[in-house]
């Protein structure tokens, strides 16, 4: 993903934690993540065995419009 005014390649950390374009989606995703007391780090989030978290991650990535 490239930003017109600040071109850079976005990694998974940027997408999950920092991309300003994804703030609304991130708020929803992280509310759910925190409700299950999952630590806010990439490894813990992506390795969660909780089906609802996995489904929410898939939805989050689909909403970004990124092709993974």
C-alpha atoms as a PDB file:
ATOM      1  CA  UNK A   1       0.000   0.000   0.000  1.00  0.00           C
ATOM      2  CA  UNK A   2       1.354   3.425  -0.880  1.00  0.00           C
ATOM      3  CA  UNK A   3       0.328   6.781   0.480  1.00  0.00           C
ATOM      4  CA  UNK A   4       0.425   9.567  -2.084  1.00  0.00           C
ATOM      5  CA  UNK A   5       2.049  12.108   0.233  1.00  0.00           C
ATOM      6  CA  UNK A   6       4.341   9.709   2.080  1.00  0.00           C
ATOM      7  CA  UNK A   7       5.162   6.770  -0.175  1.00  0.00           C
ATOM      8  CA  UNK A   8       6.328   3.713   1.707  1.00  0.00           C
ATOM      9  CA  UNK A   9       5.687   0.021   1.723  1.00  0.00           C
ATOM     10  CA  UNK A  10       3.414  -0.880   4.599  1.00  0.00           C
ATOM     11  CA  UNK A  11       4.247  -3.920   6.690  1.00  0.00           C
ATOM     12  CA  UNK A  12       1.861  -5.809   8.945  1.00  0.00           C
ATOM     13  CA  UNK A  13       2.850  -3.737  11.981  1.00  0.00           C
ATOM     14  CA  UNK A  14       2.037  -0.505  10.161  1.00  0.00           C
ATOM     15  CA  UNK A  15      -1.313  -1.865   9.015  1.00  0.00           C
ATOM     16  CA  UNK A  16      -2.328  -3.152  12.452  1.00  0.00           C
ATOM     17  CA  UNK A  17      -1.022  -0.310  14.627  1.00  0.00           C
ATOM     18  CA  UNK A  18      -0.113   2.852  12.733  1.00  0.00           C
ATOM     19  CA  UNK A  19      -1.832   3.425   9.386  1.00  0.00           C
ATOM     20  CA  UNK A  20      -3.907   6.601   9.766  1.00  0.00           C
ATOM     21  CA  UNK A  21      -6.274   5.456   7.013  1.00  0.00           C
ATOM     22  CA  UNK A  22      -7.427   2.506   9.111  1.00  0.00           C
ATOM     23  CA  UNK A  23      -8.256   4.189  12.430  1.00  0.00           C
ATOM     24  CA  UNK A  24     -12.023   3.433  12.397  1.00  0.00           C
ATOM     25  CA  UNK A  25     -11.467  -0.249  11.564  1.00  0.00           C
ATOM     26  CA  UNK A  26      -8.608  -0.491  14.069  1.00  0.00           C
ATOM     27  CA  UNK A  27     -10.757   0.840  16.931  1.00  0.00           C
ATOM     28  CA  UNK A  28     -13.319  -1.912  16.392  1.00  0.00           C
ATOM     29  CA  UNK A  29     -10.703  -4.638  15.985  1.00  0.00           C
ATOM     30  CA  UNK A  30      -8.702  -3.635  19.053  1.00  0.00           C
ATOM     31  CA  UNK A  31     -11.797  -3.298  21.242  1.00  0.00           C
ATOM     32  CA  UNK A  32     -12.439  -6.964  20.536  1.00  0.00           C
ATOM     33  CA  UNK A  33      -8.774  -7.932  20.980  1.00  0.00           C
ATOM     34  CA  UNK A  34      -8.646  -6.172  24.351  1.00  0.00           C
ATOM     35  CA  UNK A  35     -11.904  -7.774  25.473  1.00  0.00           C
ATOM     36  CA  UNK A  36     -10.125 -11.153  25.247  1.00  0.00           C
ATOM     37  CA  UNK A  37      -7.042  -9.798  27.073  1.00  0.00           C
ATOM     38  CA  UNK A  38      -4.798 -10.507  24.100  1.00  0.00           C
ATOM     39  CA  UNK A  39      -1.533  -8.534  24.304  1.00  0.00           C
ATOM     40  CA  UNK A  40      -1.268  -5.737  21.750  1.00  0.00           C
ATOM     41  CA  UNK A  41       1.631  -7.118  19.749  1.00  0.00           C
ATOM     42  CA  UNK A  42       1.685  -8.566  16.274  1.00  0.00           C
ATOM     43  CA  UNK A  43       2.646 -12.104  17.270  1.00  0.00           C
ATOM     44  CA  UNK A  44      -0.044 -12.440  19.957  1.00  0.00           C
ATOM     45  CA  UNK A  45      -2.746 -11.029  17.728  1.00  0.00           C
ATOM     46  CA  UNK A  46      -1.903 -13.087  14.648  1.00  0.00           C
ATOM     47  CA  UNK A  47      -1.423 -16.314  16.593  1.00  0.00           C
ATOM     48  CA  UNK A  48      -4.649 -16.056  18.581  1.00  0.00           C
ATOM     49  CA  UNK A  49      -6.613 -19.325  18.493  1.00  0.00           C
ATOM     50  CA  UNK A  50      -9.896 -17.500  19.182  1.00  0.00           C
ATOM     51  CA  UNK A  51     -12.195 -17.918  16.178  1.00  0.00           C
ATOM     52  CA  UNK A  52     -13.857 -14.525  16.692  1.00  0.00           C
ATOM     53  CA  UNK A  53     -10.445 -12.808  16.639  1.00  0.00           C
ATOM     54  CA  UNK A  54      -9.432 -14.676  13.487  1.00  0.00           C
ATOM     55  CA  UNK A  55     -12.704 -13.745  11.782  1.00  0.00           C
ATOM     56  CA  UNK A  56     -12.290 -10.111  12.865  1.00  0.00           C
ATOM     57  CA  UNK A  57      -8.735 -10.018  11.509  1.00  0.00           C
ATOM     58  CA  UNK A  58      -9.937 -11.357   8.164  1.00  0.00           C
ATOM     59  CA  UNK A  59     -12.695  -8.754   8.112  1.00  0.00           C
ATOM     60  CA  UNK A  60     -10.224  -6.001   9.064  1.00  0.00           C
ATOM     61  CA  UNK A  61      -7.855  -6.969   6.248  1.00  0.00           C
ATOM     62  CA  UNK A  62     -10.745  -7.190   3.782  1.00  0.00           C
ATOM     63  CA  UNK A  63     -11.884  -3.696   4.788  1.00  0.00           C
ATOM     64  CA  UNK A  64      -8.421  -2.273   4.109  1.00  0.00           C
ATOM     65  CA  UNK A  65      -8.732  -3.087   0.428  1.00  0.00           C
ATOM     66  CA  UNK A  66      -5.272  -4.617   0.501  1.00  0.00           C
ATOM     67  CA  UNK A  67      -4.535  -7.706  -1.517  1.00  0.00           C
ATOM     68  CA  UNK A  68      -2.769 -10.203   0.701  1.00  0.00           C
END
